[in-house]
Amino acid sequence: MRKLLSLMFVSAIILAACSSSELSITEVQKIPTKVQEIIDTDYTLQLINDSKSDEKYIIYQSAGTVTAEIEERGNILDIKLETENEEHSELKQYVYKITRGDAQYDSINVKINGQDTPIGNSTGF
């Protein structure tokens, strides 16, 4: 009986740890089909919202190497994109997935190399 209770307790802890989500941004290597269908290459910066999972995708086209980080500032989510080595003439598409977690923001502000940048296209599915 004790082993069964211990096993159930450990399982509950593992499940709770797996389901807890924090605010995060990660670069997506395999873009989901629904996101791919919506991406419009006419825009340098796009936001796509997945209403079912409450995840968001930022799509940024750049001739350089891009790194991303996020910061919650009150009710504002700052997405900071830094571009380096813009020596190439062809654009590369960077797709980042934002997981909301328990964050309570209601506005998104994108900064590219420290400059506030408007989102060219915002859509969802």
PDB file of N, CA and C in Angstrom:
ATOM      1  N   MET A   1       0.822  -1.188   0.000  1.00  0.00           N
ATOM      2  CA  MET A   1       0.000   0.000   0.000  1.00  0.00           C
ATOM      3  C   MET A   1       0.872   1.261   0.000  1.00  0.00           C
ATOM      4  N   ARG A   2       1.949   1.199   0.800  1.00  0.00           N
ATOM      5  CA  ARG A   2       2.854   2.337   0.876  1.00  0.00           C
ATOM      6  C   ARG A   2       3.534   2.601  -0.460  1.00  0.00           C
ATOM      7  N   LYS A   3       3.916   1.532  -1.161  1.00  0.00           N
ATOM      8  CA  LYS A   3       4.564   1.671  -2.464  1.00  0.00           C
ATOM      9  C   LYS A   3       3.603   2.306  -3.468  1.00  0.00           C
ATOM     10  N   LEU A   4       2.345   1.899  -3.411  1.00  0.00           N
ATOM     11  CA  LEU A   4       1.351   2.448  -4.328  1.00  0.00           C
ATOM     12  C   LEU A   4       1.149   3.940  -4.074  1.00  0.00           C
ATOM     13  N   LEU A   5       1.064   4.334  -2.806  1.00  0.00           N
ATOM     14  CA  LEU A   5       0.913   5.751  -2.467  1.00  0.00           C
ATOM     15  C   LEU A   5       2.149   6.546  -2.891  1.00  0.00           C
ATOM     16  N   SER A   6       3.313   5.985  -2.672  1.00  0.00           N
ATOM     17  CA  SER A   6       4.550   6.656  -3.075  1.00  0.00           C
ATOM     18  C   SER A   6       4.601   6.832  -4.587  1.00  0.00           C
ATOM     19  N   LEU A   7       4.236   5.788  -5.316  1.00  0.00           N
ATOM     20  CA  LEU A   7       4.226   5.860  -6.768  1.00  0.00           C
ATOM     21  C   LEU A   7       3.236   6.914  -7.257  1.00  0.00           C
ATOM     22  N   MET A   8       2.054   6.970  -6.653  1.00  0.00           N
ATOM     23  CA  MET A   8       1.057   7.967  -7.030  1.00  0.00           C
ATOM     24  C   MET A   8       1.550   9.375  -6.716  1.00  0.00           C
ATOM     25  N   PHE A   9       2.215   9.550  -5.599  1.00  0.00           N
ATOM     26  CA  PHE A   9       2.734  10.853  -5.205  1.00  0.00           C
ATOM     27  C   PHE A   9       3.814  11.326  -6.177  1.00  0.00           C
ATOM     28  N   VAL A  10       4.738  10.451  -6.510  1.00  0.00           N
ATOM     29  CA  VAL A  10       5.806  10.794  -7.450  1.00  0.00           C
ATOM     30  C   VAL A  10       5.222  11.106  -8.830  1.00  0.00           C
ATOM     31  N   SER A  11       4.255  10.320  -9.266  1.00  0.00           N
ATOM     32  CA  SER A  11       3.599  10.563 -10.560  1.00  0.00           C
ATOM     33  C   SER A  11       2.914  11.919 -10.573  1.00  0.00           C
ATOM     34  N   ALA A  12       2.246  12.276  -9.492  1.00  0.00           N
ATOM     35  CA  ALA A  12       1.562  13.569  -9.408  1.00  0.00           C
ATOM     36  C   ALA A  12       2.559  14.716  -9.485  1.00  0.00           C
ATOM     37  N   ILE A  13       3.699  14.576  -8.829  1.00  0.00           N
ATOM     38  CA  ILE A  13       4.734  15.617  -8.874  1.00  0.00           C
ATOM     39  C   ILE A  13       5.276  15.776 -10.291  1.00  0.00           C
ATOM     40  N   ILE A  14       5.543  14.666 -10.951  1.00  0.00           N
ATOM     41  CA  ILE A  14       6.076  14.712 -12.321  1.00  0.00           C
ATOM     42  C   ILE A  14       5.058  15.355 -13.260  1.00  0.00           C
ATOM     43  N   LEU A  15       3.798  14.972 -13.151  1.00  0.00           N
ATOM     44  CA  LEU A  15       2.767  15.565 -14.003  1.00  0.00           C
ATOM     45  C   LEU A  15       2.597  17.054 -13.747  1.00  0.00           C
ATOM     46  N   ALA A  16       2.665  17.452 -12.499  1.00  0.00           N
ATOM     47  CA  ALA A  16       2.538  18.873 -12.166  1.00  0.00           C
ATOM     48  C   ALA A  16       3.711  19.667 -12.734  1.00  0.00           C
ATOM     49  N   ALA A  17       4.895  19.104 -12.662  1.00  0.00           N
ATOM     50  CA  ALA A  17       6.078  19.788 -13.196  1.00  0.00           C
ATOM     51  C   ALA A  17       6.002  19.906 -14.708  1.00  0.00           C
ATOM     52  N   CYS A  18       5.502  18.896 -15.377  1.00  0.00           N
ATOM     53  CA  CYS A  18       5.393  18.922 -16.841  1.00  0.00           C
ATOM     54  C   CYS A  18       4.318  19.882 -17.312  1.00  0.00           C
ATOM     55  N   SER A  19       3.252  20.025 -16.573  1.00  0.00           N
ATOM     56  CA  SER A  19       2.155  20.867 -17.022  1.00  0.00           C
ATOM     57  C   SER A  19       2.321  22.329 -16.616  1.00  0.00           C
ATOM     58  N   SER A  20       3.195  22.616 -15.668  1.00  0.00           N
ATOM     59  CA  SER A  20       3.392  24.008 -15.299  1.00  0.00           C
ATOM     60  C   SER A  20       4.184  24.684 -16.397  1.00  0.00           C
ATOM     61  N   SER A  21       3.709  25.838 -16.804  1.00  0.00           N
ATOM     62  CA  SER A  21       4.399  26.524 -17.886  1.00  0.00           C
ATOM     63  C   SER A  21       4.773  27.924 -17.454  1.00  0.00           C
ATOM     64  N   GLU A  22       5.915  28.324 -17.870  1.00  0.00           N
ATOM     65  CA  GLU A  22       6.397  29.658 -17.591  1.00  0.00           C
ATOM     66  C   GLU A  22       6.440  30.436 -18.887  1.00  0.00           C
ATOM     67  N   LEU A  23       6.440  31.733 -18.774  1.00  0.00           N
ATOM     68  CA  LEU A  23       6.600  32.590 -19.928  1.00  0.00           C
ATOM     69  C   LEU A  23       7.940  32.269 -20.573  1.00  0.00           C
ATOM     70  N   SER A  24       7.900  31.960 -21.878  1.00  0.00           N
ATOM     71  CA  SER A  24       9.149  31.599 -22.554  1.00  0.00           C
ATOM     72  C   SER A  24       9.065  31.913 -24.038  1.00  0.00           C
ATOM     73  N   ILE A  25      10.230  32.024 -24.655  1.00  0.00           N
ATOM     74  CA  ILE A  25      10.328  32.192 -26.101  1.00  0.00           C
ATOM     75  C   ILE A  25      11.378  31.211 -26.602  1.00  0.00           C
ATOM     76  N   THR A  26      11.026  30.466 -27.649  1.00  0.00           N
ATOM     77  CA  THR A  26      11.951  29.494 -28.221  1.00  0.00           C
ATOM     78  C   THR A  26      11.880  29.568 -29.739  1.00  0.00           C
ATOM     79  N   GLU A  27      13.027  29.410 -30.369  1.00  0.00           N
ATOM     80  CA  GLU A  27      13.047  29.393 -31.832  1.00  0.00           C
ATOM     81  C   GLU A  27      12.485  28.067 -32.313  1.00  0.00           C
ATOM     82  N   VAL A  28      11.616  28.131 -33.318  1.00  0.00           N
ATOM     83  CA  VAL A  28      10.952  26.951 -33.855  1.00  0.00           C
ATOM     84  C   VAL A  28      11.713  26.473 -35.083  1.00  0.00           C
ATOM     85  N   GLN A  29      12.127  25.223 -35.069  1.00  0.00           N
ATOM     86  CA  GLN A  29      12.814  24.645 -36.220  1.00  0.00           C
ATOM     87  C   GLN A  29      11.816  24.030 -37.204  1.00  0.00           C
ATOM     88  N   LYS A  30      10.794  23.350 -36.670  1.00  0.00           N
ATOM     89  CA  LYS A  30       9.756  22.755 -37.510  1.00  0.00           C
ATOM     90  C   LYS A  30       8.479  23.559 -37.285  1.00  0.00           C
ATOM     91  N   ILE A  31       8.158  24.392 -38.255  1.00  0.00           N
ATOM     92  CA  ILE A  31       7.023  25.295 -38.140  1.00  0.00           C
ATOM     93  C   ILE A  31       5.722  24.505 -38.325  1.00  0.00           C
ATOM     94  N   PRO A  32       4.769  24.635 -37.389  1.00  0.00           N
ATOM     95  CA  PRO A  32       3.490  23.946 -37.531  1.00  0.00           C
ATOM     96  C   PRO A  32       2.798  24.351 -38.846  1.00  0.00           C
ATOM     97  N   THR A  33       2.105  23.408 -39.451  1.00  0.00           N
ATOM     98  CA  THR A  33       1.452  23.633 -40.741  1.00  0.00           C
ATOM     99  C   THR A  33       0.497  24.823 -40.699  1.00  0.00           C
ATOM    100  N   LYS A  34      -0.301  24.932 -39.642  1.00  0.00           N
ATOM    101  CA  LYS A  34      -1.254  26.036 -39.538  1.00  0.00           C
ATOM    102  C   LYS A  34      -0.553  27.387 -39.521  1.00  0.00           C
ATOM    103  N   VAL A  35       0.615  27.450 -38.900  1.00  0.00           N
ATOM    104  CA  VAL A  35       1.388  28.697 -38.863  1.00  0.00           C
ATOM    105  C   VAL A  35       1.975  28.966 -40.248  1.00  0.00           C
ATOM    106  N   GLN A  36       2.537  27.941 -40.885  1.00  0.00           N
ATOM    107  CA  GLN A  36       3.116  28.092 -42.220  1.00  0.00           C
ATOM    108  C   GLN A  36       2.096  28.633 -43.212  1.00  0.00           C
ATOM    109  N   GLU A  37       0.870  28.170 -43.127  1.00  0.00           N
ATOM    110  CA  GLU A  37      -0.177  28.586 -44.060  1.00  0.00           C
ATOM    111  C   GLU A  37      -0.518  30.067 -43.931  1.00  0.00           C
ATOM    112  N   ILE A  38      -0.295  30.652 -42.758  1.00  0.00           N
ATOM    113  CA  ILE A  38      -0.679  32.038 -42.496  1.00  0.00           C
ATOM    114  C   ILE A  38       0.470  33.019 -42.745  1.00  0.00           C
ATOM    115  N   ILE A  39       1.709  32.559 -42.694  1.00  0.00           N
ATOM    116  CA  ILE A  39       2.851  33.460 -42.850  1.00  0.00           C
ATOM    117  C   ILE A  39       2.776  34.175 -44.186  1.00  0.00           C
ATOM    118  N   ASP A  40       2.933  35.487 -44.141  1.00  0.00           N
ATOM    119  CA  ASP A  40       2.929  36.320 -45.343  1.00  0.00           C
ATOM    120  C   ASP A  40       4.332  36.916 -45.487  1.00  0.00           C
ATOM    121  N   THR A  41       5.044  36.507 -46.501  1.00  0.00           N
ATOM    122  CA  THR A  41       6.442  36.928 -46.678  1.00  0.00           C
ATOM    123  C   THR A  41       6.572  38.400 -47.076  1.00  0.00           C
ATOM    124  N   ASP A  42       5.448  39.082 -47.297  1.00  0.00           N
ATOM    125  CA  ASP A  42       5.503  40.515 -47.593  1.00  0.00           C
ATOM    126  C   ASP A  42       5.810  41.339 -46.345  1.00  0.00           C
ATOM    127  N   TYR A  43       5.662  40.748 -45.182  1.00  0.00           N
ATOM    128  CA  TYR A  43       5.877  41.456 -43.917  1.00  0.00           C
ATOM    129  C   TYR A  43       7.194  41.024 -43.277  1.00  0.00           C
ATOM    130  N   THR A  44       7.934  41.995 -42.774  1.00  0.00           N
ATOM    131  CA  THR A  44       9.181  41.706 -42.085  1.00  0.00           C
ATOM    132  C   THR A  44       8.915  41.149 -40.689  1.00  0.00           C
ATOM    133  N   LEU A  45       7.867  41.649 -40.036  1.00  0.00           N
ATOM    134  CA  LEU A  45       7.544  41.252 -38.666  1.00  0.00           C
ATOM    135  C   LEU A  45       6.059  40.918 -38.578  1.00  0.00           C
ATOM    136  N   GLN A  46       5.777  39.712 -38.094  1.00  0.00           N
ATOM    137  CA  GLN A  46       4.394  39.252 -37.978  1.00  0.00           C
ATOM    138  C   GLN A  46       4.156  38.610 -36.619  1.00  0.00           C
ATOM    139  N   LEU A  47       2.903  38.630 -36.199  1.00  0.00           N
ATOM    140  CA  LEU A  47       2.472  37.955 -34.979  1.00  0.00           C
ATOM    141  C   LEU A  47       1.310  37.051 -35.345  1.00  0.00           C
ATOM    142  N   ILE A  48       1.419  35.780 -34.994  1.00  0.00           N
ATOM    143  CA  ILE A  48       0.344  34.816 -35.240  1.00  0.00           C
ATOM    144  C   ILE A  48      -0.060  34.217 -33.903  1.00  0.00           C
ATOM    145  N   ASN A  49      -1.371  34.248 -33.627  1.00  0.00           N
ATOM    146  CA  ASN A  49      -1.901  33.772 -32.356  1.00  0.00           C
ATOM    147  C   ASN A  49      -2.625  32.444 -32.550  1.00  0.00           C
ATOM    148  N   ASP A  50      -2.241  31.442 -31.757  1.00  0.00           N
ATOM    149  CA  ASP A  50      -2.948  30.162 -31.727  1.00  0.00           C
ATOM    150  C   ASP A  50      -3.923  30.240 -30.564  1.00  0.00           C
ATOM    151  N   SER A  51      -5.198  30.463 -30.866  1.00  0.00           N
ATOM    152  CA  SER A  51      -6.191  30.684 -29.816  1.00  0.00           C
ATOM    153  C   SER A  51      -6.488  29.440 -28.986  1.00  0.00           C
ATOM    154  N   LYS A  52      -6.249  28.262 -29.537  1.00  0.00           N
ATOM    155  CA  LYS A  52      -6.529  27.032 -28.786  1.00  0.00           C
ATOM    156  C   LYS A  52      -5.508  26.792 -27.683  1.00  0.00           C
ATOM    157  N   SER A  53      -4.245  27.079 -27.966  1.00  0.00           N
ATOM    158  CA  SER A  53      -3.209  26.801 -26.976  1.00  0.00           C
ATOM    159  C   SER A  53      -2.704  28.064 -26.282  1.00  0.00           C
ATOM    160  N   ASP A  54      -3.185  29.227 -26.691  1.00  0.00           N
ATOM    161  CA  ASP A  54      -2.743  30.514 -26.157  1.00  0.00           C
ATOM    162  C   ASP A  54      -1.240  30.728 -26.378  1.00  0.00           C
ATOM    163  N   GLU A  55      -0.709  30.125 -27.429  1.00  0.00           N
ATOM    164  CA  GLU A  55       0.676  30.367 -27.817  1.00  0.00           C
ATOM    165  C   GLU A  55       0.673  31.390 -28.940  1.00  0.00           C
ATOM    166  N   LYS A  56       1.759  32.113 -29.043  1.00  0.00           N
ATOM    167  CA  LYS A  56       1.909  33.106 -30.091  1.00  0.00           C
ATOM    168  C   LYS A  56       3.190  32.798 -30.850  1.00  0.00           C
ATOM    169  N   TYR A  57       3.211  33.185 -32.104  1.00  0.00           N
ATOM    170  CA  TYR A  57       4.392  33.007 -32.942  1.00  0.00           C
ATOM    171  C   TYR A  57       4.807  34.368 -33.492  1.00  0.00           C
ATOM    172  N   ILE A  58       6.071  34.694 -33.331  1.00  0.00           N
ATOM    173  CA  ILE A  58       6.647  35.899 -33.918  1.00  0.00           C
ATOM    174  C   ILE A  58       7.469  35.449 -35.109  1.00  0.00           C
ATOM    175  N   ILE A  59       7.203  36.044 -36.259  1.00  0.00           N
ATOM    176  CA  ILE A  59       7.957  35.724 -37.463  1.00  0.00           C
ATOM    177  C   ILE A  59       8.714  36.993 -37.854  1.00  0.00           C
ATOM    178  N   TYR A  60      10.014  36.865 -37.977  1.00  0.00           N
ATOM    179  CA  TYR A  60      10.855  38.015 -38.306  1.00  0.00           C
ATOM    180  C   TYR A  60      11.793  37.614 -39.429  1.00  0.00           C
ATOM    181  N   GLN A  61      11.840  38.434 -40.478  1.00  0.00           N
ATOM    182  CA  GLN A  61      12.731  38.180 -41.604  1.00  0.00           C
ATOM    183  C   GLN A  61      13.905  39.133 -41.517  1.00  0.00           C
ATOM    184  N   SER A  62      15.109  38.579 -41.561  1.00  0.00           N
ATOM    185  CA  SER A  62      16.311  39.386 -41.404  1.00  0.00           C
ATOM    186  C   SER A  62      17.431  38.821 -42.266  1.00  0.00           C
ATOM    187  N   ALA A  63      18.330  39.706 -42.667  1.00  0.00           N
ATOM    188  CA  ALA A  63      19.501  39.284 -43.421  1.00  0.00           C
ATOM    189  C   ALA A  63      20.629  38.862 -42.484  1.00  0.00           C
ATOM    190  N   GLY A  64      20.451  39.054 -41.189  1.00  0.00           N
ATOM    191  CA  GLY A  64      21.483  38.696 -40.224  1.00  0.00           C
ATOM    192  C   GLY A  64      21.061  37.563 -39.313  1.00  0.00           C
ATOM    193  N   THR A  65      21.884  37.323 -38.325  1.00  0.00           N
ATOM    194  CA  THR A  65      21.606  36.317 -37.303  1.00  0.00           C
ATOM    195  C   THR A  65      20.781  36.970 -36.200  1.00  0.00           C
ATOM    196  N   VAL A  66      19.702  36.319 -35.784  1.00  0.00           N
ATOM    197  CA  VAL A  66      18.776  36.908 -34.816  1.00  0.00           C
ATOM    198  C   VAL A  66      18.762  36.098 -33.524  1.00  0.00           C
ATOM    199  N   THR A  67      18.763  36.801 -32.416  1.00  0.00           N
ATOM    200  CA  THR A  67      18.538  36.186 -31.110  1.00  0.00           C
ATOM    201  C   THR A  67      17.331  36.876 -30.481  1.00  0.00           C
ATOM    202  N   ALA A  68      16.614  36.139 -29.636  1.00  0.00           N
ATOM    203  CA  ALA A  68      15.388  36.680 -29.052  1.00  0.00           C
ATOM    204  C   ALA A  68      15.342  36.423 -27.557  1.00  0.00           C
ATOM    205  N   GLU A  69      14.741  37.363 -26.863  1.00  0.00           N
ATOM    206  CA  GLU A  69      14.447  37.178 -25.443  1.00  0.00           C
ATOM    207  C   GLU A  69      13.189  37.964 -25.117  1.00  0.00           C
ATOM    208  N   ILE A  70      12.554  37.604 -24.014  1.00  0.00           N
ATOM    209  CA  ILE A  70      11.331  38.286 -23.606  1.00  0.00           C
ATOM    210  C   ILE A  70      11.436  38.742 -22.171  1.00  0.00           C
ATOM    211  N   GLU A  71      10.627  39.738 -21.863  1.00  0.00           N
ATOM    212  CA  GLU A  71      10.597  40.280 -20.511  1.00  0.00           C
ATOM    213  C   GLU A  71       9.190  40.801 -20.252  1.00  0.00           C
ATOM    214  N   GLU A  72       8.634  40.420 -19.133  1.00  0.00           N
ATOM    215  CA  GLU A  72       7.322  40.928 -18.745  1.00  0.00           C
ATOM    216  C   GLU A  72       7.543  42.167 -17.890  1.00  0.00           C
ATOM    217  N   ARG A  73       6.889  43.259 -18.301  1.00  0.00           N
ATOM    218  CA  ARG A  73       7.033  44.533 -17.608  1.00  0.00           C
ATOM    219  C   ARG A  73       5.638  45.048 -17.286  1.00  0.00           C
ATOM    220  N   GLY A  74       5.154  44.692 -16.093  1.00  0.00           N
ATOM    221  CA  GLY A  74       3.782  45.036 -15.734  1.00  0.00           C
ATOM    222  C   GLY A  74       2.822  44.276 -16.631  1.00  0.00           C
ATOM    223  N   ASN A  75       1.968  45.016 -17.352  1.00  0.00           N
ATOM    224  CA  ASN A  75       1.025  44.365 -18.260  1.00  0.00           C
ATOM    225  C   ASN A  75       1.539  44.345 -19.706  1.00  0.00           C
ATOM    226  N   ILE A  76       2.824  44.612 -19.896  1.00  0.00           N
ATOM    227  CA  ILE A  76       3.425  44.647 -21.237  1.00  0.00           C
ATOM    228  C   ILE A  76       4.440  43.520 -21.384  1.00  0.00           C
ATOM    229  N   LEU A  77       4.362  42.826 -22.514  1.00  0.00           N
ATOM    230  CA  LEU A  77       5.357  41.815 -22.850  1.00  0.00           C
ATOM    231  C   LEU A  77       6.322  42.432 -23.851  1.00  0.00           C
ATOM    232  N   ASP A  78       7.584  42.563 -23.464  1.00  0.00           N
ATOM    233  CA  ASP A  78       8.614  43.068 -24.369  1.00  0.00           C
ATOM    234  C   ASP A  78       9.284  41.888 -25.046  1.00  0.00           C
ATOM    235  N   ILE A  79       9.259  41.892 -26.373  1.00  0.00           N
ATOM    236  CA  ILE A  79       9.975  40.893 -27.165  1.00  0.00           C
ATOM    237  C   ILE A  79      11.174  41.614 -27.753  1.00  0.00           C
ATOM    238  N   LYS A  80      12.361  41.161 -27.394  1.00  0.00           N
ATOM    239  CA  LYS A  80      13.588  41.829 -27.826  1.00  0.00           C
ATOM    240  C   LYS A  80      14.311  40.959 -28.845  1.00  0.00           C
ATOM    241  N   LEU A  81      14.412  41.473 -30.058  1.00  0.00           N
ATOM    242  CA  LEU A  81      15.115  40.781 -31.138  1.00  0.00           C
ATOM    243  C   LEU A  81      16.399  41.548 -31.437  1.00  0.00           C
ATOM    244  N   GLU A  82      17.495  40.853 -31.423  1.00  0.00           N
ATOM    245  CA  GLU A  82      18.794  41.458 -31.728  1.00  0.00           C
ATOM    246  C   GLU A  82      19.340  40.827 -32.998  1.00  0.00           C
ATOM    247  N   THR A  83      19.754  41.666 -33.931  1.00  0.00           N
ATOM    248  CA  THR A  83      20.263  41.202 -35.211  1.00  0.00           C
ATOM    249  C   THR A  83      21.749  41.512 -35.307  1.00  0.00           C
ATOM    250  N   GLU A  84      22.516  40.521 -35.737  1.00  0.00           N
ATOM    251  CA  GLU A  84      23.961  40.677 -35.927  1.00  0.00           C
ATOM    252  C   GLU A  84      24.341  40.141 -37.296  1.00  0.00           C
ATOM    253  N   ASN A  85      25.504  40.523 -37.766  1.00  0.00           N
ATOM    254  CA  ASN A  85      26.068  40.011 -39.019  1.00  0.00           C
ATOM    255  C   ASN A  85      25.114  40.170 -40.193  1.00  0.00           C
ATOM    256  N   GLU A  86      24.639  41.379 -40.414  1.00  0.00           N
ATOM    257  CA  GLU A  86      23.714  41.624 -41.510  1.00  0.00           C
ATOM    258  C   GLU A  86      24.455  41.813 -42.834  1.00  0.00           C
ATOM    259  N   GLU A  87      25.402  40.953 -43.103  1.00  0.00           N
ATOM    260  CA  GLU A  87      26.205  41.062 -44.307  1.00  0.00           C
ATOM    261  C   GLU A  87      25.561  40.372 -45.501  1.00  0.00           C
ATOM    262  N   HIS A  88      24.636  39.467 -45.235  1.00  0.00           N
ATOM    263  CA  HIS A  88      24.001  38.713 -46.309  1.00  0.00           C
ATOM    264  C   HIS A  88      22.899  39.541 -46.949  1.00  0.00           C
ATOM    265  N   SER A  89      22.686  39.354 -48.227  1.00  0.00           N
ATOM    266  CA  SER A  89      21.648  40.122 -48.907  1.00  0.00           C
ATOM    267  C   SER A  89      20.302  39.398 -48.905  1.00  0.00           C
ATOM    268  N   GLU A  90      20.304  38.089 -48.725  1.00  0.00           N
ATOM    269  CA  GLU A  90      19.028  37.387 -48.734  1.00  0.00           C
ATOM    270  C   GLU A  90      18.477  37.259 -47.321  1.00  0.00           C
ATOM    271  N   LEU A  91      17.155  37.374 -47.244  1.00  0.00           N
ATOM    272  CA  LEU A  91      16.477  37.314 -45.954  1.00  0.00           C
ATOM    273  C   LEU A  91      16.295  35.882 -45.504  1.00  0.00           C
ATOM    274  N   LYS A  92      16.421  35.692 -44.201  1.00  0.00           N
ATOM    275  CA  LYS A  92      16.139  34.405 -43.586  1.00  0.00           C
ATOM    276  C   LYS A  92      14.956  34.611 -42.649  1.00  0.00           C
ATOM    277  N   GLN A  93      14.083  33.627 -42.585  1.00  0.00           N
ATOM    278  CA  GLN A  93      12.899  33.710 -41.747  1.00  0.00           C
ATOM    279  C   GLN A  93      13.170  33.065 -40.390  1.00  0.00           C
ATOM    280  N   TYR A  94      12.936  33.826 -39.331  1.00  0.00           N
ATOM    281  CA  TYR A  94      13.074  33.326 -37.968  1.00  0.00           C
ATOM    282  C   TYR A  94      11.679  33.235 -37.362  1.00  0.00           C
ATOM    283  N   VAL A  95      11.356  32.076 -36.792  1.00  0.00           N
ATOM    284  CA  VAL A  95      10.048  31.868 -36.176  1.00  0.00           C
ATOM    285  C   VAL A  95      10.281  31.522 -34.710  1.00  0.00           C
ATOM    286  N   TYR A  96       9.633  32.283 -33.834  1.00  0.00           N
ATOM    287  CA  TYR A  96       9.746  32.071 -32.392  1.00  0.00           C
ATOM    288  C   TYR A  96       8.367  31.798 -31.810  1.00  0.00           C
ATOM    289  N   LYS A  97       8.304  30.813 -30.924  1.00  0.00           N
ATOM    290  CA  LYS A  97       7.054  30.491 -30.235  1.00  0.00           C
ATOM    291  C   LYS A  97       7.107  31.086 -28.832  1.00  0.00           C
ATOM    292  N   ILE A  98       6.046  31.791 -28.485  1.00  0.00           N
ATOM    293  CA  ILE A  98       5.932  32.380 -27.155  1.00  0.00           C
ATOM    294  C   ILE A  98       4.875  31.609 -26.387  1.00  0.00           C
ATOM    295  N   THR A  99       5.280  31.067 -25.251  1.00  0.00           N
ATOM    296  CA  THR A  99       4.355  30.369 -24.358  1.00  0.00           C
ATOM    297  C   THR A  99       4.031  31.321 -23.225  1.00  0.00           C
ATOM    298  N   ARG A 100       2.762  31.592 -23.046  1.00  0.00           N
ATOM    299  CA  ARG A 100       2.313  32.608 -22.085  1.00  0.00           C
ATOM    300  C   ARG A 100       2.540  32.187 -20.636  1.00  0.00           C
ATOM    301  N   GLY A 101       2.316  30.942 -20.324  1.00  0.00           N
ATOM    302  CA  GLY A 101       2.440  30.502 -18.933  1.00  0.00           C
ATOM    303  C   GLY A 101       1.455  31.239 -18.061  1.00  0.00           C
ATOM    304  N   ASP A 102       1.904  31.710 -16.916  1.00  0.00           N
ATOM    305  CA  ASP A 102       1.057  32.434 -15.977  1.00  0.00           C
ATOM    306  C   ASP A 102       1.173  33.948 -16.130  1.00  0.00           C
ATOM    307  N   ALA A 103       1.864  34.406 -17.171  1.00  0.00           N
ATOM    308  CA  ALA A 103       2.079  35.838 -17.371  1.00  0.00           C
ATOM    309  C   ALA A 103       0.738  36.549 -17.587  1.00  0.00           C
ATOM    310  N   GLN A 104       0.642  37.776 -17.125  1.00  0.00           N
ATOM    311  CA  GLN A 104      -0.612  38.535 -17.161  1.00  0.00           C
ATOM    312  C   GLN A 104      -0.521  39.784 -18.043  1.00  0.00           C
ATOM    313  N   TYR A 105       0.189  39.724 -19.149  1.00  0.00           N
ATOM    314  CA  TYR A 105       0.312  40.889 -20.025  1.00  0.00           C
ATOM    315  C   TYR A 105      -0.919  41.041 -20.909  1.00  0.00           C
ATOM    316  N   ASP A 106      -1.188  42.275 -21.328  1.00  0.00           N
ATOM    317  CA  ASP A 106      -2.272  42.515 -22.285  1.00  0.00           C
ATOM    318  C   ASP A 106      -1.794  43.313 -23.494  1.00  0.00           C
ATOM    319  N   SER A 107      -0.509  43.643 -23.537  1.00  0.00           N
ATOM    320  CA  SER A 107       0.078  44.358 -24.666  1.00  0.00           C
ATOM    321  C   SER A 107       1.417  43.723 -25.016  1.00  0.00           C
ATOM    322  N   ILE A 108       1.755  43.789 -26.306  1.00  0.00           N
ATOM    323  CA  ILE A 108       3.032  43.264 -26.768  1.00  0.00           C
ATOM    324  C   ILE A 108       3.808  44.396 -27.420  1.00  0.00           C
ATOM    325  N   ASN A 109       5.065  44.538 -27.029  1.00  0.00           N
ATOM    326  CA  ASN A 109       5.951  45.549 -27.586  1.00  0.00           C
ATOM    327  C   ASN A 109       7.173  44.826 -28.153  1.00  0.00           C
ATOM    328  N   VAL A 110       7.438  45.022 -29.438  1.00  0.00           N
ATOM    329  CA  VAL A 110       8.590  44.383 -30.069  1.00  0.00           C
ATOM    330  C   VAL A 110       9.689  45.422 -30.255  1.00  0.00           C
ATOM    331  N   LYS A 111      10.887  45.059 -29.823  1.00  0.00           N
ATOM    332  CA  LYS A 111      12.054  45.914 -30.006  1.00  0.00           C
ATOM    333  C   LYS A 111      13.065  45.158 -30.862  1.00  0.00           C
ATOM    334  N   ILE A 112      13.462  45.784 -31.956  1.00  0.00           N
ATOM    335  CA  ILE A 112      14.500  45.211 -32.810  1.00  0.00           C
ATOM    336  C   ILE A 112      15.732  46.083 -32.658  1.00  0.00           C
ATOM    337  N   ASN A 113      16.801  45.488 -32.155  1.00  0.00           N
ATOM    338  CA  ASN A 113      18.043  46.213 -31.856  1.00  0.00           C
ATOM    339  C   ASN A 113      17.769  47.448 -31.000  1.00  0.00           C
ATOM    340  N   GLY A 114      16.871  47.286 -30.019  1.00  0.00           N
ATOM    341  CA  GLY A 114      16.575  48.356 -29.073  1.00  0.00           C
ATOM    342  C   GLY A 114      15.533  49.357 -29.523  1.00  0.00           C
ATOM    343  N   GLN A 115      15.080  49.290 -30.760  1.00  0.00           N
ATOM    344  CA  GLN A 115      14.103  50.240 -31.295  1.00  0.00           C
ATOM    345  C   GLN A 115      12.705  49.619 -31.310  1.00  0.00           C
ATOM    346  N   ASP A 116      11.713  50.354 -30.763  1.00  0.00           N
ATOM    347  CA  ASP A 116      10.332  49.892 -30.847  1.00  0.00           C
ATOM    348  C   ASP A 116       9.973  49.737 -32.316  1.00  0.00           C
ATOM    349  N   THR A 117       9.382  48.586 -32.661  1.00  0.00           N
ATOM    350  CA  THR A 117       9.064  48.277 -34.050  1.00  0.00           C
ATOM    351  C   THR A 117       7.622  47.808 -34.144  1.00  0.00           C
ATOM    352  N   PRO A 118       6.839  48.409 -35.051  1.00  0.00           N
ATOM    353  CA  PRO A 118       5.454  47.971 -35.191  1.00  0.00           C
ATOM    354  C   PRO A 118       5.375  46.594 -35.862  1.00  0.00           C
ATOM    355  N   ILE A 119       4.380  45.829 -35.460  1.00  0.00           N
ATOM    356  CA  ILE A 119       4.125  44.517 -36.074  1.00  0.00           C
ATOM    357  C   ILE A 119       3.376  44.779 -37.379  1.00  0.00           C
ATOM    358  N   GLY A 120       3.930  44.279 -38.483  1.00  0.00           N
ATOM    359  CA  GLY A 120       3.343  44.526 -39.796  1.00  0.00           C
ATOM    360  C   GLY A 120       2.041  43.796 -40.022  1.00  0.00           C
ATOM    361  N   ASN A 121       1.896  42.618 -39.446  1.00  0.00           N
ATOM    362  CA  ASN A 121       0.695  41.804 -39.651  1.00  0.00           C
ATOM    363  C   ASN A 121       0.441  40.998 -38.387  1.00  0.00           C
ATOM    364  N   SER A 122      -0.781  41.035 -37.904  1.00  0.00           N
ATOM    365  CA  SER A 122      -1.167  40.263 -36.723  1.00  0.00           C
ATOM    366  C   SER A 122      -2.429  39.479 -37.077  1.00  0.00           C
ATOM    367  N   THR A 123      -2.362  38.163 -36.925  1.00  0.00           N
ATOM    368  CA  THR A 123      -3.485  37.305 -37.273  1.00  0.00           C
ATOM    369  C   THR A 123      -3.496  36.089 -36.359  1.00  0.00           C
ATOM    370  N   GLY A 124      -4.438  35.207 -36.554  1.00  0.00           N
ATOM    371  CA  GLY A 124      -4.515  34.025 -35.710  1.00  0.00           C
ATOM    372  C   GLY A 124      -5.329  32.923 -36.348  1.00  0.00           C
ATOM    373  N   PHE A 125      -5.372  31.812 -35.650  1.00  0.00           N
ATOM    374  CA  PHE A 125      -6.174  30.668 -36.101  1.00  0.00           C
ATOM    375  C   PHE A 125      -6.757  29.980 -34.888  1.00  0.00           C
TER     376      PHE A 125
END
